[in-house]
């Protein structure tokens, strides 16, 4: 009986679809004009009723008999299936955990074993030829000796005059060593230290031979040299401490005199002019 109602259900659904597309086909079977609304109501009700009758008339006794005849087998099979699924879950969890550990080990940054370039010490250095960037770093240094000595900035190691970028003989001296210099040579000038470490607590207003940074070693102002006017001396106002020719010299002279040292000057160097005093 359920097959008849199933057929009726399929016919109702088919008729519903056709009626919604072209309702005029069913005009001869209805007393009133066939519309999509009428078609939808009639065949929807017919479909629902036939579907309900299919459910009532379906014989489930065979299914129940089969289920009743195999309860133990199904229970045992279900236990085996559940156990197998449980084992698979444990295995999957272990695999996931193992994968996470592998990923963490892979992503763990490795220690950089690349040899690092050693930075040369800059505390101080004395007599010798010092390679810039290897033995010493570029920077501005001041010698601590007080007697005549020799120093030179070098562009190479050929021992030729052309290798000398700048040189001098006075002390204490301030020299800026460039990163492009090949080396710095010094003899008898005492230890060379970073110029910052030689600043006094208060800049002086009186000084003797040597090179001084304005505003750090001495104050700017007008100074008079105490040397004899007939004595030969040397003095210069400096814009830097490279000592490369006259590029860092603002002005200079060769006799004791009165000099106005500007606050804009970088440094002042003097030799043989005796003592300078601010007036």
Protein backbone atom coordinates (compact mmCIF):
# COMPACT_ATOMS: atom_id res chain seq x y z
CA UNK A 1 0.00 0.00 0.00
CA UNK A 2 2.84 2.37 0.76
CA UNK A 3 3.98 2.15 -2.89
CA UNK A 4 0.63 3.56 -4.07
CA UNK A 5 0.93 6.52 -1.73
CA UNK A 6 4.55 7.02 -2.83
CA UNK A 7 3.41 7.17 -6.46
CA UNK A 8 0.64 9.60 -5.51
CA UNK A 9 3.23 11.76 -3.67
CA UNK A 10 5.50 11.92 -6.70
CA UNK A 11 2.56 12.75 -9.00
CA UNK A 12 1.51 15.56 -6.61
CA UNK A 13 5.00 17.07 -6.56
CA UNK A 14 5.28 16.85 -10.35
CA UNK A 15 1.85 18.42 -10.83
CA UNK A 16 2.77 21.18 -8.36
CA UNK A 17 5.88 22.09 -10.35
CA UNK A 18 4.04 22.01 -13.70
CA UNK A 19 1.12 24.03 -12.30
CA UNK A 20 3.42 26.74 -10.95
CA UNK A 21 5.09 27.04 -14.35
CA UNK A 22 1.90 26.81 -16.50
CA UNK A 23 -1.30 26.76 -14.43
CA UNK A 24 -3.59 26.89 -17.53
CA UNK A 25 -2.99 23.16 -18.10
CA UNK A 26 -5.26 22.34 -15.11
CA UNK A 27 -8.09 24.73 -16.07
CA UNK A 28 -10.25 21.90 -17.49
CA UNK A 29 -10.08 20.03 -14.14
CA UNK A 30 -11.07 22.98 -11.92
CA UNK A 31 -14.41 24.70 -11.68
CA UNK A 32 -12.79 28.09 -11.27
CA UNK A 33 -9.90 29.64 -13.16
CA UNK A 34 -6.65 27.85 -12.51
CA UNK A 35 -4.06 30.09 -10.84
CA UNK A 36 -0.66 29.43 -9.35
CA UNK A 37 -2.09 29.99 -5.89
CA UNK A 38 -4.88 27.39 -6.41
CA UNK A 39 -2.44 24.91 -7.89
CA UNK A 40 0.03 25.41 -4.98
CA UNK A 41 -2.69 24.84 -2.35
CA UNK A 42 -4.21 21.73 -4.00
CA UNK A 43 -1.06 19.82 -4.79
CA UNK A 44 0.78 20.88 -1.63
CA UNK A 45 -2.05 19.41 0.44
CA UNK A 46 -2.08 16.30 -1.74
CA UNK A 47 1.68 15.88 -1.33
CA UNK A 48 1.59 16.32 2.45
CA UNK A 49 -1.27 13.84 2.86
CA UNK A 50 0.40 11.22 0.65
CA UNK A 51 3.70 11.64 2.51
CA UNK A 52 1.92 11.16 5.82
CA UNK A 53 0.15 8.00 4.55
CA UNK A 54 3.48 6.62 3.33
CA UNK A 55 4.83 6.86 6.86
CA UNK A 56 1.81 5.15 8.38
CA UNK A 57 1.66 2.22 5.96
CA UNK A 58 5.39 1.44 5.83
CA UNK A 59 6.08 -1.99 7.34
CA UNK A 60 9.03 -1.79 9.76
CA UNK A 61 8.57 -5.26 11.26
CA UNK A 62 11.28 -6.74 9.02
CA UNK A 63 13.79 -4.15 10.13
CA UNK A 64 12.92 -4.71 13.76
CA UNK A 65 13.29 -8.48 13.33
CA UNK A 66 16.74 -8.11 11.87
CA UNK A 67 17.72 -5.71 14.65
CA UNK A 68 16.35 -8.06 17.32
CA UNK A 69 18.18 -11.06 15.87
CA UNK A 70 21.59 -9.35 15.97
CA UNK A 71 21.76 -7.35 19.22
CA UNK A 72 24.82 -9.14 20.58
CA UNK A 73 26.68 -9.01 17.28
CA UNK A 74 25.97 -5.29 16.89
CA UNK A 75 26.99 -4.60 20.49
CA UNK A 76 30.26 -6.49 20.06
CA UNK A 77 30.88 -4.85 16.72
CA UNK A 78 30.15 -1.43 18.18
CA UNK A 79 32.58 -2.04 21.06
CA UNK A 80 35.27 -3.05 18.61
CA UNK A 81 34.54 -0.01 16.47
CA UNK A 82 34.58 2.32 19.48
CA UNK A 83 37.84 0.81 20.69
CA UNK A 84 39.37 1.13 17.23
CA UNK A 85 38.23 4.74 16.98
CA UNK A 86 39.62 5.42 20.44
CA UNK A 87 42.97 3.94 19.45
CA UNK A 88 42.95 6.02 16.28
CA UNK A 89 42.23 9.19 18.29
CA UNK A 90 45.15 8.47 20.66
CA UNK A 91 47.42 7.76 17.70
CA UNK A 92 46.31 10.96 15.94
CA UNK A 93 46.88 12.99 19.12
CA UNK A 94 50.37 11.50 19.48
CA UNK A 95 51.11 12.29 15.84
CA UNK A 96 49.86 15.87 16.27
CA UNK A 97 51.96 16.32 19.42
CA UNK A 98 55.00 14.89 17.64
CA UNK A 99 54.38 17.22 14.69
CA UNK A 100 54.12 20.25 17.02
CA UNK A 101 57.41 19.32 18.68
CA UNK A 102 59.06 18.93 15.26
CA UNK A 103 57.72 22.34 14.22
CA UNK A 104 58.94 23.95 17.44
CA UNK A 105 62.37 22.40 17.01
CA UNK A 106 62.43 23.57 13.40
CA UNK A 107 61.36 27.12 14.30
CA UNK A 108 63.75 27.43 17.26
CA UNK A 109 66.32 30.03 16.22
CA UNK A 110 69.79 28.58 15.93
CA UNK A 111 72.63 30.22 17.75
CA UNK A 112 74.67 32.38 15.43
CA UNK A 113 78.14 30.87 15.33
CA UNK A 114 79.47 33.35 12.76
CA UNK A 115 82.71 34.87 14.07
CA UNK A 116 82.10 38.46 15.11
CA UNK A 117 84.49 41.19 14.07
CA UNK A 118 86.59 42.26 17.02
CA UNK A 119 86.38 45.97 17.82
CA UNK A 120 89.84 47.39 18.59
CA UNK A 121 90.41 48.94 21.98
CA UNK A 122 90.34 52.74 22.13
CA UNK A 123 91.44 53.39 25.70
CA UNK A 124 94.96 54.50 24.79
CA UNK A 125 97.98 53.67 22.68
CA UNK A 126 101.65 54.63 22.67
CA UNK A 127 104.70 54.43 20.41
CA UNK A 128 104.42 52.47 17.18
CA UNK A 129 102.51 52.25 13.94
CA UNK A 130 98.86 51.44 14.60
CA UNK A 131 96.54 50.14 11.87
CA UNK A 132 93.24 52.05 11.86
CA UNK A 133 90.26 49.73 12.29
CA UNK A 134 92.45 46.89 13.57
CA UNK A 135 94.70 48.28 16.31
CA UNK A 136 92.83 51.51 16.96
CA UNK A 137 89.51 53.03 15.93
CA UNK A 138 89.09 56.31 14.14
CA UNK A 139 88.41 59.27 16.40
CA UNK A 140 89.96 62.35 18.02
CA UNK A 141 92.86 61.73 20.41
CA UNK A 142 95.16 63.87 22.58
CA UNK A 143 98.73 63.02 23.49
CA UNK A 144 99.80 63.20 27.12
CA UNK A 145 103.48 63.95 26.51
CA UNK A 146 104.87 67.45 27.00
CA UNK A 147 108.10 67.35 24.99
CA UNK A 148 108.81 67.47 21.27
CA UNK A 149 107.80 64.24 19.56
CA UNK A 150 106.70 62.94 16.18
CA UNK A 151 103.31 61.75 14.91
CA UNK A 152 101.85 61.13 11.44
CA UNK A 153 98.60 60.08 9.82
CA UNK A 154 99.39 57.59 7.04
CA UNK A 155 97.56 56.60 3.85
CA UNK A 156 99.75 53.53 3.25
CA UNK A 157 102.73 51.52 4.42
CA UNK A 158 105.21 52.22 1.66
CA UNK A 159 107.41 54.39 3.88
CA UNK A 160 107.32 57.15 1.29
CA UNK A 161 106.59 60.84 1.77
CA UNK A 162 103.38 60.52 -0.24
CA UNK A 163 102.02 58.15 2.46
CA UNK A 164 101.99 61.01 5.01
CA UNK A 165 98.59 62.71 5.19
CA UNK A 166 99.56 64.99 8.11
CA UNK A 167 102.27 65.12 10.77
CA UNK A 168 103.61 67.25 13.59
CA UNK A 169 106.12 67.61 16.43
CA UNK A 170 104.43 69.52 19.24
CA UNK A 171 102.87 68.15 22.41
CA UNK A 172 100.41 67.79 23.90
CA UNK A 173 98.71 67.46 20.51
CA UNK A 174 95.11 66.78 19.42
CA UNK A 175 94.67 64.77 16.21
CA UNK A 176 91.54 63.48 14.47
CA UNK A 177 92.27 60.09 12.90
CA UNK A 178 89.94 59.39 9.96
CA UNK A 179 88.39 56.01 9.22
CA UNK A 180 89.94 56.26 5.75
CA UNK A 181 93.47 56.52 7.20
CA UNK A 182 95.59 53.40 6.86
CA UNK A 183 97.53 53.89 10.07
CA UNK A 184 98.77 56.31 12.72
CA UNK A 185 102.47 56.52 13.61
CA UNK A 186 103.75 58.03 16.84
CA UNK A 187 107.07 58.28 18.69
CA UNK A 188 107.93 60.05 21.95
CA UNK A 189 104.47 61.65 22.35
CA UNK A 190 103.46 59.63 25.37
CA UNK A 191 100.11 57.86 25.52
CA UNK A 192 97.31 58.94 23.17
CA UNK A 193 93.85 58.91 24.76
CA UNK A 194 90.36 59.92 23.68
CA UNK A 195 90.21 63.71 23.80
CA UNK A 196 87.07 63.62 25.93
CA UNK A 197 89.00 61.99 28.77
CA UNK A 198 91.37 64.98 28.96
CA UNK A 199 88.78 67.68 29.60
CA UNK A 200 89.36 69.50 32.92
CA UNK A 201 86.48 70.20 35.29
CA UNK A 202 86.69 73.89 34.34
CA UNK A 203 88.21 75.26 31.10
CA UNK A 204 91.42 77.19 31.76
CA UNK A 205 92.14 80.88 31.14
CA UNK A 206 95.90 80.39 30.97
CA UNK A 207 97.94 77.81 29.03
CA UNK A 208 101.38 76.96 27.64
CA UNK A 209 102.59 74.94 24.61
CA UNK A 210 100.17 72.45 23.12
CA UNK A 211 96.84 72.10 21.33
CA UNK A 212 93.57 72.82 23.11
CA UNK A 213 89.87 72.44 22.37
CA UNK A 214 87.91 75.67 22.76
CA UNK A 215 85.23 75.53 25.44
CA UNK A 216 86.66 72.26 26.82
CA UNK A 217 90.34 72.83 27.65
CA UNK A 218 90.36 76.63 27.49
CA UNK A 219 87.68 79.31 27.31
CA UNK A 220 87.24 81.60 24.34
CA UNK A 221 88.44 85.16 24.73
CA UNK A 222 91.34 87.56 24.14
CA UNK A 223 94.77 86.23 25.13
CA UNK A 224 98.26 87.74 25.34
CA UNK A 225 101.44 85.65 24.92
CA UNK A 226 104.20 86.36 27.45
CA UNK A 227 107.07 85.48 25.10
CA UNK A 228 109.68 88.03 23.92
CA UNK A 229 108.48 89.85 20.79
CA UNK A 230 111.73 88.90 19.13
CA UNK A 231 111.23 85.20 19.85
CA UNK A 232 110.13 82.89 17.06
CA UNK A 233 107.00 80.99 17.98
CA UNK A 234 103.98 79.51 16.26
CA UNK A 235 100.27 79.81 16.96
CA UNK A 236 97.09 78.97 14.99
CA UNK A 237 93.35 79.12 15.40
CA UNK A 238 91.86 75.83 14.15
CA UNK A 239 88.52 74.79 12.64
CA UNK A 240 89.32 71.06 13.06
CA UNK A 241 92.09 68.70 14.23
CA UNK A 242 92.86 66.91 10.96
CA UNK A 243 96.10 68.92 10.43
CA UNK A 244 95.77 68.27 6.67
CA UNK A 245 97.71 71.18 5.17
CA UNK A 246 96.01 74.48 5.86
CA UNK A 247 92.42 73.17 5.49
CA UNK A 248 91.84 73.29 9.25
CA UNK A 249 93.73 76.56 9.91
CA UNK A 250 91.61 79.68 10.34
CA UNK A 251 94.62 81.97 10.86
CA UNK A 252 98.16 81.66 12.25
CA UNK A 253 101.33 83.59 13.09
CA UNK A 254 104.98 83.34 14.16
CA UNK A 255 105.49 85.83 16.98
CA UNK A 256 104.02 86.43 20.43
CA UNK A 257 101.02 88.75 20.20
CA UNK A 258 97.46 89.38 21.37
CA UNK A 259 94.91 87.00 19.82
CA UNK A 260 91.12 86.92 19.93
CA UNK A 261 90.07 83.23 20.18
CA UNK A 262 86.44 82.86 19.07
CA UNK A 263 83.90 80.55 20.68
CA UNK A 264 83.25 79.23 17.14
CA UNK A 265 86.88 78.07 16.82
CA UNK A 266 87.41 74.34 17.28
CA UNK A 267 90.88 74.59 18.74
CA UNK A 268 94.04 76.61 19.32
CA UNK A 269 97.63 75.37 18.97
CA UNK A 270 100.83 77.09 20.10
CA UNK A 271 104.55 76.32 20.42
CA UNK A 272 107.43 78.51 21.66
CA UNK A 273 105.23 81.54 22.50
CA UNK A 274 105.60 81.01 26.25
CA UNK A 275 102.48 81.42 28.38
CA UNK A 276 99.10 82.69 27.10
CA UNK A 277 96.83 84.52 29.55
CA UNK A 278 93.29 85.75 29.08
CA UNK A 279 93.01 89.55 29.37
